[in-house]
Amino acid sequence: MVYHIDGSSVHSLELTSFDALGVTESEIEEWIIDTPSILDEDLLIVASQYAKFDRTAERPDILALDPDGKLVVIELKRDRADATTDLQAIKYASYCSTISPEELQQDYRAFWNDRRPEDDQLTPEDVGERFVEFLGEEITTTEEGYADFVLDDRPRILLAAGSFGPEITTPVVWLEREYGMDITCVELEVYRRDDGMFVSSRRVLPIPEAEEYMAKRRQKERQQSRSSSRAGRAITVLLEAGLVEEGDIVVFNADKLPSDSNREFDSDDDFWRGRITGKTGMSDNVEWLENGAEYSFTALAQEVLEQVCGRESNVNGYPYWIHPEYDLSLSELRRKRVGDIEW
């Protein structure tokens, strides 16, 4: 039972259903677009009824982005989720897996501009700033003004409904634990008192006991995905531009060293130095002079930080490595110098 406390008066709230109150799914959709925290998450709403897939007219209810740079496909059911809700959302997630970061931002711009006055339209620069602010990463913007970030190609699924039966919860638990699929089930409850309506949300899956394990597993996957995506693309650009070459030495960026480091920085110490291998694979871009092993720039930055601070760090590695010839980090080198190269 839920109670409404008004001063010294206590009133019980009657549990009811959206159907009984005449609330439609489109109304719930609008509530979430306006206030995504209803789903108990920090989400950036990108679009609703997204209809840009080839060869199908099917549309996910809401498309959003989470702070980890993952697409979130949200499927709503007004009351009890039917037996195909999970399959429907999985199809939508597969359709969305090919969306690029710039396409996502273009869709965000189109969606929100449709809801804004003609004299207050969002520009690409406005959108890029919003995404940079939301993601909270050390990322740059493209020439068009959009945020230049890596979009995880494994969208999350969020199912929101009045209730879930075992025909949904059983396959969701299995898909999450056996295949690492990121699926969240949020139960929406609605209460009535007089003419007032009160809505609460409660996450029913994944269960809290499993969440810490799954969160660590997803973090590892994100780190590996970002390392490979960013490292391969960026190092290829720098090598092809002739700005870096096989055998070049890079040095850890002392400005990025946390204050609680247990090791003193010395640019001549092999612990802080790496050699560019000239390779463009997922984890073979730089040789750590400390042990001769090969890493991506991100993985090596994370390894160094973990050793000197005793904790894991989820960082983009390129700002952490300085090329002494230019006295610039690899991210600055790419941003400031690649545009000057004649191809």
Protein backbone atom coordinates (compact mmCIF):
# COMPACT_ATOMS: atom_id res chain seq x y z
CA MET A 1 0.00 0.00 0.00
CA VAL A 2 1.18 3.55 -0.78
CA TYR A 3 0.17 6.51 1.34
CA HIS A 4 -0.02 10.23 0.68
CA ILE A 5 1.03 12.29 3.70
CA ASP A 6 -0.52 15.77 3.83
CA GLY A 7 0.46 17.47 7.05
CA SER A 8 -1.11 15.42 9.81
CA SER A 9 -3.44 13.62 7.40
CA VAL A 10 -2.62 10.21 5.96
CA HIS A 11 -4.46 8.98 2.87
CA SER A 12 -4.05 5.65 1.14
CA LEU A 13 -3.54 5.59 -2.62
CA GLU A 14 -5.49 3.11 -4.65
CA LEU A 15 -3.42 0.89 -6.93
CA THR A 16 -5.06 0.86 -10.34
CA SER A 17 -4.04 0.49 -13.98
CA PHE A 18 -3.40 2.81 -16.89
CA ASP A 19 -6.18 1.08 -18.75
CA ALA A 20 -8.67 1.78 -15.97
CA LEU A 21 -7.67 5.45 -16.00
CA GLY A 22 -7.91 5.68 -19.79
CA VAL A 23 -4.21 6.49 -20.17
CA THR A 24 -2.77 5.53 -23.57
CA GLU A 25 0.73 4.28 -24.38
CA SER A 26 1.35 7.44 -26.39
CA GLU A 27 0.66 9.51 -23.26
CA ILE A 28 3.13 7.44 -21.23
CA GLU A 29 5.61 7.86 -24.07
CA GLU A 30 5.26 11.64 -23.84
CA TRP A 31 5.78 11.57 -20.08
CA ILE A 32 9.06 9.70 -20.56
CA ILE A 33 10.21 12.00 -23.37
CA ASP A 34 9.57 14.96 -21.09
CA THR A 35 10.97 13.34 -17.93
CA PRO A 36 13.13 10.27 -18.73
CA SER A 37 13.99 9.88 -15.04
CA ILE A 38 10.57 8.25 -14.70
CA LEU A 39 12.46 5.13 -15.78
CA ASP A 40 14.97 5.68 -12.96
CA GLU A 41 17.84 6.36 -15.36
CA ASP A 42 19.80 9.29 -16.71
CA LEU A 43 18.90 9.19 -20.41
CA LEU A 44 19.20 11.54 -23.38
CA ILE A 45 16.07 11.08 -25.49
CA VAL A 46 16.96 10.96 -29.19
CA ALA A 47 13.65 10.16 -30.91
CA SER A 48 10.29 8.47 -30.57
CA GLN A 49 8.57 6.19 -33.05
CA TYR A 50 11.87 5.99 -34.92
CA ALA A 51 11.08 5.10 -38.54
CA LYS A 52 14.33 5.20 -40.49
CA PHE A 53 15.00 1.51 -40.94
CA ASP A 54 15.28 -0.01 -44.41
CA ARG A 55 12.66 -2.49 -45.59
CA THR A 56 10.49 -2.38 -42.45
CA ALA A 57 7.85 -0.07 -41.03
CA GLU A 58 8.41 -1.26 -37.44
CA ARG A 59 9.21 1.47 -34.96
CA PRO A 60 10.70 1.38 -31.46
CA ASP A 61 8.73 3.51 -29.01
CA ILE A 62 11.69 5.57 -27.82
CA LEU A 63 15.36 5.72 -28.76
CA ALA A 64 17.75 7.16 -26.18
CA LEU A 65 21.43 7.35 -25.23
CA ASP A 66 22.88 6.53 -21.82
CA PRO A 67 25.96 8.22 -20.26
CA ASP A 68 28.16 5.26 -21.25
CA GLY A 69 27.56 5.95 -24.95
CA LYS A 70 25.11 3.10 -25.48
CA LEU A 71 21.92 3.31 -27.45
CA VAL A 72 18.88 2.41 -25.38
CA VAL A 73 15.89 0.94 -27.19
CA ILE A 74 12.83 1.53 -25.01
CA GLU A 75 9.67 -0.52 -25.55
CA LEU A 76 6.55 0.49 -23.61
CA LYS A 77 3.48 -1.50 -22.71
CA ARG A 78 0.62 0.23 -20.98
CA ASP A 79 -0.16 -2.63 -18.62
CA ARG A 80 1.14 -6.23 -18.65
CA ALA A 81 3.92 -6.93 -21.16
CA ASP A 82 2.75 -9.44 -23.75
CA ALA A 83 4.67 -12.58 -24.64
CA THR A 84 6.46 -11.03 -27.63
CA THR A 85 7.59 -7.75 -26.05
CA ASP A 86 11.18 -8.95 -25.58
CA LEU A 87 11.45 -10.32 -29.12
CA GLN A 88 10.05 -7.09 -30.51
CA ALA A 89 12.66 -5.05 -28.64
CA ILE A 90 15.49 -7.38 -29.72
CA LYS A 91 14.51 -6.82 -33.36
CA TYR A 92 14.56 -3.06 -32.84
CA ALA A 93 17.98 -3.25 -31.16
CA SER A 94 19.35 -5.17 -34.13
CA TYR A 95 18.00 -2.52 -36.50
CA CYS A 96 19.61 0.22 -34.41
CA SER A 97 23.03 -1.43 -34.17
CA THR A 98 24.18 0.13 -37.46
CA ILE A 99 23.36 3.74 -36.56
CA SER A 100 26.46 5.94 -36.61
CA PRO A 101 27.18 8.67 -34.03
CA GLU A 102 26.56 11.44 -36.59
CA GLU A 103 23.31 9.85 -37.77
CA LEU A 104 22.17 9.62 -34.17
CA GLN A 105 22.85 13.31 -33.63
CA GLN A 106 21.12 14.23 -36.87
CA ASP A 107 18.09 12.24 -35.72
CA TYR A 108 18.21 13.99 -32.34
CA ARG A 109 18.30 17.36 -34.06
CA ALA A 110 15.38 16.53 -36.37
CA PHE A 111 13.27 15.12 -33.53
CA TRP A 112 13.71 18.06 -31.18
CA ASN A 113 13.51 20.71 -33.89
CA ASP A 114 10.05 19.36 -34.73
CA ARG A 115 9.10 20.25 -31.17
CA ARG A 116 10.69 23.70 -31.11
CA PRO A 117 9.61 27.06 -32.59
CA GLU A 118 10.97 27.87 -36.05
CA ASP A 119 12.98 30.75 -34.60
CA ASP A 120 14.66 28.51 -32.02
CA GLN A 121 16.03 25.59 -34.03
CA LEU A 122 19.01 23.51 -32.94
CA THR A 123 22.19 23.74 -35.02
CA PRO A 124 24.70 20.89 -35.38
CA GLU A 125 26.92 22.83 -32.96
CA ASP A 126 24.11 22.97 -30.39
CA VAL A 127 23.59 19.22 -30.71
CA GLY A 128 27.32 18.47 -30.50
CA GLU A 129 27.65 20.53 -27.32
CA ARG A 130 24.66 18.72 -25.78
CA PHE A 131 26.14 15.29 -26.51
CA VAL A 132 29.59 16.28 -25.23
CA GLU A 133 27.99 17.61 -22.04
CA PHE A 134 25.87 14.50 -21.58
CA LEU A 135 28.59 11.94 -22.27
CA GLY A 136 31.08 13.76 -20.08
CA GLU A 137 34.02 12.49 -22.11
CA GLU A 138 37.12 14.18 -23.41
CA ILE A 139 35.86 14.24 -26.99
CA THR A 140 36.10 16.70 -29.83
CA THR A 141 33.63 17.82 -32.48
CA THR A 142 33.57 17.28 -36.23
CA GLU A 143 33.80 20.02 -38.85
CA GLU A 144 29.98 20.01 -38.96
CA GLY A 145 29.85 20.62 -35.21
CA TYR A 146 28.66 17.18 -34.09
CA ALA A 147 30.33 15.31 -31.21
CA ASP A 148 33.04 12.90 -32.39
CA PHE A 149 32.50 9.89 -30.15
CA VAL A 150 32.36 6.13 -30.45
CA LEU A 151 28.85 4.69 -30.30
CA ASP A 152 28.69 1.22 -28.79
CA ASP A 153 27.33 -1.15 -31.45
CA ARG A 154 25.43 -3.30 -28.93
CA PRO A 155 22.31 -1.32 -27.96
CA ARG A 156 20.71 -1.81 -24.59
CA ILE A 157 17.07 -2.80 -24.25
CA LEU A 158 14.73 -1.28 -21.67
CA LEU A 159 11.27 -2.76 -21.30
CA ALA A 160 8.75 -0.69 -19.33
CA ALA A 161 5.33 -2.10 -18.49
CA GLY A 162 2.69 -2.35 -15.80
CA SER A 163 3.83 -5.88 -15.00
CA PHE A 164 5.94 -8.74 -16.33
CA GLY A 165 5.09 -12.42 -16.38
CA PRO A 166 7.50 -15.38 -16.57
CA GLU A 167 7.12 -15.46 -20.36
CA ILE A 168 9.23 -12.27 -20.30
CA THR A 169 11.35 -12.52 -17.16
CA THR A 170 12.62 -16.05 -17.85
CA PRO A 171 14.08 -15.36 -21.32
CA VAL A 172 15.40 -11.96 -20.19
CA VAL A 173 17.38 -13.53 -17.33
CA TRP A 174 18.68 -16.24 -19.66
CA LEU A 175 19.73 -13.80 -22.39
CA GLU A 176 21.46 -11.56 -19.86
CA ARG A 177 23.38 -14.25 -18.01
CA GLU A 178 24.23 -16.56 -20.89
CA TYR A 179 24.84 -14.05 -23.69
CA GLY A 180 25.56 -10.80 -21.86
CA MET A 181 22.61 -8.97 -23.40
CA ASP A 182 21.88 -5.76 -21.54
CA ILE A 183 18.14 -5.88 -20.87
CA THR A 184 16.37 -3.97 -18.13
CA CYS A 185 12.74 -4.45 -17.06
CA VAL A 186 11.06 -1.52 -15.30
CA GLU A 187 7.64 -1.94 -13.76
CA LEU A 188 5.39 1.13 -13.84
CA GLU A 189 2.67 1.35 -11.20
CA VAL A 190 -0.09 3.93 -11.18
CA TYR A 191 -2.13 5.00 -8.17
CA ARG A 192 -5.27 7.08 -7.87
CA ARG A 193 -6.63 9.33 -5.14
CA ASP A 194 -9.61 11.52 -5.86
CA ASP A 195 -8.71 13.23 -9.15
CA GLY A 196 -4.96 12.77 -8.70
CA MET A 197 -2.75 10.24 -10.45
CA PHE A 198 0.63 9.08 -9.10
CA VAL A 199 3.16 6.99 -11.04
CA SER A 200 6.09 5.04 -9.58
CA SER A 201 8.76 2.95 -11.28
CA ARG A 202 10.61 -0.10 -9.99
CA ARG A 203 13.34 -2.05 -11.68
CA VAL A 204 12.55 -5.74 -11.52
CA LEU A 205 15.39 -7.00 -13.74
CA PRO A 206 18.31 -7.35 -13.55
CA ILE A 207 17.98 -8.28 -9.89
CA PRO A 208 20.27 -6.29 -7.54
CA GLU A 209 22.33 -9.37 -6.62
CA ALA A 210 23.41 -9.83 -10.22
CA GLU A 211 23.80 -6.18 -11.15
CA GLU A 212 27.32 -5.65 -9.78
CA TYR A 213 28.64 -8.64 -11.71
CA MET A 214 26.87 -7.62 -14.91
CA ALA A 215 27.99 -4.00 -14.54
CA LYS A 216 31.64 -5.08 -14.31
CA ARG A 217 31.19 -7.38 -17.28
CA ARG A 218 29.64 -4.62 -19.38
CA GLN A 219 32.36 -2.16 -18.32
CA LYS A 220 35.03 -4.58 -19.52
CA GLU A 221 33.22 -5.01 -22.84
CA ARG A 222 32.90 -1.24 -23.24
CA GLN A 223 36.59 -0.72 -22.54
CA GLN A 224 37.60 -3.38 -25.04
CA SER A 225 35.17 -2.03 -27.63
CA ARG A 226 36.29 1.55 -27.20
CA SER A 227 39.96 0.59 -27.18
CA SER A 228 39.68 -1.24 -30.47
CA SER A 229 37.40 1.28 -32.18
CA ARG A 230 39.26 4.37 -31.16
CA ALA A 231 42.78 2.99 -31.34
CA GLY A 232 42.46 1.44 -34.75
CA ARG A 233 40.86 4.46 -36.35
CA ALA A 234 43.05 7.13 -34.78
CA ILE A 235 46.41 5.41 -35.15
CA THR A 236 45.64 4.66 -38.79
CA VAL A 237 44.97 8.35 -39.43
CA LEU A 238 48.18 9.42 -37.71
CA LEU A 239 50.30 6.82 -39.50
CA GLU A 240 48.83 7.57 -42.92
CA ALA A 241 49.34 11.30 -42.37
CA GLY A 242 53.02 10.65 -41.63
CA LEU A 243 52.71 12.37 -38.27
CA VAL A 244 53.88 9.26 -36.43
CA GLU A 245 56.03 6.38 -37.61
CA GLU A 246 56.95 2.91 -36.46
CA GLY A 247 59.56 3.18 -33.71
CA ASP A 248 58.53 6.65 -32.48
CA ILE A 249 58.66 6.98 -28.70
CA VAL A 250 55.68 8.37 -26.79
CA VAL A 251 55.71 9.45 -23.15
CA PHE A 252 52.91 9.39 -20.61
CA ASN A 253 51.23 12.78 -20.18
CA ALA A 254 52.33 13.95 -16.74
CA ASP A 255 49.40 16.38 -16.60
CA LYS A 256 47.07 13.37 -16.57
CA LEU A 257 48.76 11.73 -13.59
CA PRO A 258 46.37 11.58 -10.60
CA SER A 259 47.49 13.30 -7.40
CA ASP A 260 47.38 10.01 -5.48
CA SER A 261 49.94 8.30 -7.73
CA ASN A 262 52.30 6.04 -5.79
CA ARG A 263 55.11 6.46 -8.36
CA GLU A 264 57.08 9.57 -9.27
CA PHE A 265 56.96 10.60 -12.91
CA ASP A 266 60.25 10.45 -14.84
CA SER A 267 60.12 10.88 -18.59
CA ASP A 268 63.31 8.81 -18.96
CA ASP A 269 61.88 5.86 -17.00
CA ASP A 270 60.68 3.07 -19.33
CA PHE A 271 57.62 2.68 -17.11
CA TRP A 272 56.29 5.95 -18.57
CA ARG A 273 57.35 5.29 -22.18
CA GLY A 274 56.04 3.39 -25.17
CA ARG A 275 57.18 2.66 -28.73
CA ILE A 276 54.74 2.95 -31.65
CA THR A 277 54.63 -0.41 -33.42
CA GLY A 278 53.17 0.78 -36.73
CA LYS A 279 50.42 -1.84 -36.39
CA THR A 280 46.73 -0.93 -36.60
CA GLY A 281 45.03 -3.88 -34.96
CA MET A 282 42.90 -3.85 -31.85
CA SER A 283 45.64 -4.21 -29.23
CA ASP A 284 49.05 -3.95 -30.88
CA ASN A 285 49.58 -0.22 -31.47
CA VAL A 286 52.19 0.56 -28.81
CA GLU A 287 54.91 -1.48 -27.09
CA TRP A 288 55.31 -0.71 -23.39
CA LEU A 289 59.04 -0.32 -22.78
CA GLU A 290 58.53 -1.50 -19.19
CA ASN A 291 57.73 -5.09 -20.21
CA GLY A 292 57.88 -5.31 -24.03
CA ALA A 293 54.18 -6.20 -24.32
CA GLU A 294 51.92 -4.64 -26.94
CA TYR A 295 48.74 -2.71 -26.13
CA SER A 296 46.28 -0.27 -27.57
CA PHE A 297 46.98 3.28 -26.38
CA THR A 298 43.87 3.18 -24.23
CA ALA A 299 44.71 -0.20 -22.68
CA LEU A 300 48.26 0.94 -21.87
CA ALA A 301 47.03 4.18 -20.29
CA GLN A 302 44.62 2.16 -18.18
CA GLU A 303 47.37 -0.30 -17.18
CA VAL A 304 49.71 2.52 -16.11
CA LEU A 305 46.97 4.26 -14.12
CA GLU A 306 45.93 1.04 -12.42
CA GLN A 307 49.50 0.29 -11.36
CA VAL A 308 50.19 3.76 -9.94
CA CYS A 309 46.75 4.31 -8.35
CA GLY A 310 45.52 0.81 -7.59
CA ARG A 311 42.15 1.22 -9.31
CA GLU A 312 40.64 0.70 -12.73
CA SER A 313 40.20 3.75 -14.99
CA ASN A 314 37.87 4.01 -17.96
CA VAL A 315 39.66 6.54 -20.16
CA ASN A 316 40.29 7.37 -23.80
CA GLY A 317 44.02 6.73 -24.14
CA TYR A 318 45.08 9.23 -26.79
CA PRO A 319 45.19 12.31 -24.51
CA TYR A 320 47.46 10.31 -22.18
CA TRP A 321 50.42 9.93 -24.55
CA ILE A 322 52.70 12.79 -25.64
CA HIS A 323 54.78 12.72 -28.83
CA PRO A 324 57.97 14.56 -27.75
CA GLU A 325 58.74 15.80 -31.28
CA TYR A 326 55.54 17.85 -31.32
CA ASP A 327 55.05 18.25 -27.55
CA LEU A 328 51.41 17.33 -28.17
CA SER A 329 49.27 14.45 -27.03
CA LEU A 330 48.21 12.04 -29.78
CA SER A 331 44.64 13.37 -29.58
CA GLU A 332 45.90 16.96 -29.95
CA LEU A 333 48.20 15.90 -32.76
CA ARG A 334 45.34 14.39 -34.67
CA ARG A 335 43.00 17.30 -34.00
CA LYS A 336 45.45 20.10 -34.71
CA ARG A 337 47.70 18.68 -37.40
CA VAL A 338 45.80 16.14 -39.51
CA GLY A 339 43.76 18.91 -41.11
CA ASP A 340 47.00 20.51 -42.37
CA ILE A 341 48.09 17.41 -44.27
CA GLU A 342 47.73 17.36 -48.05
CA TRP A 343 46.34 13.97 -49.10
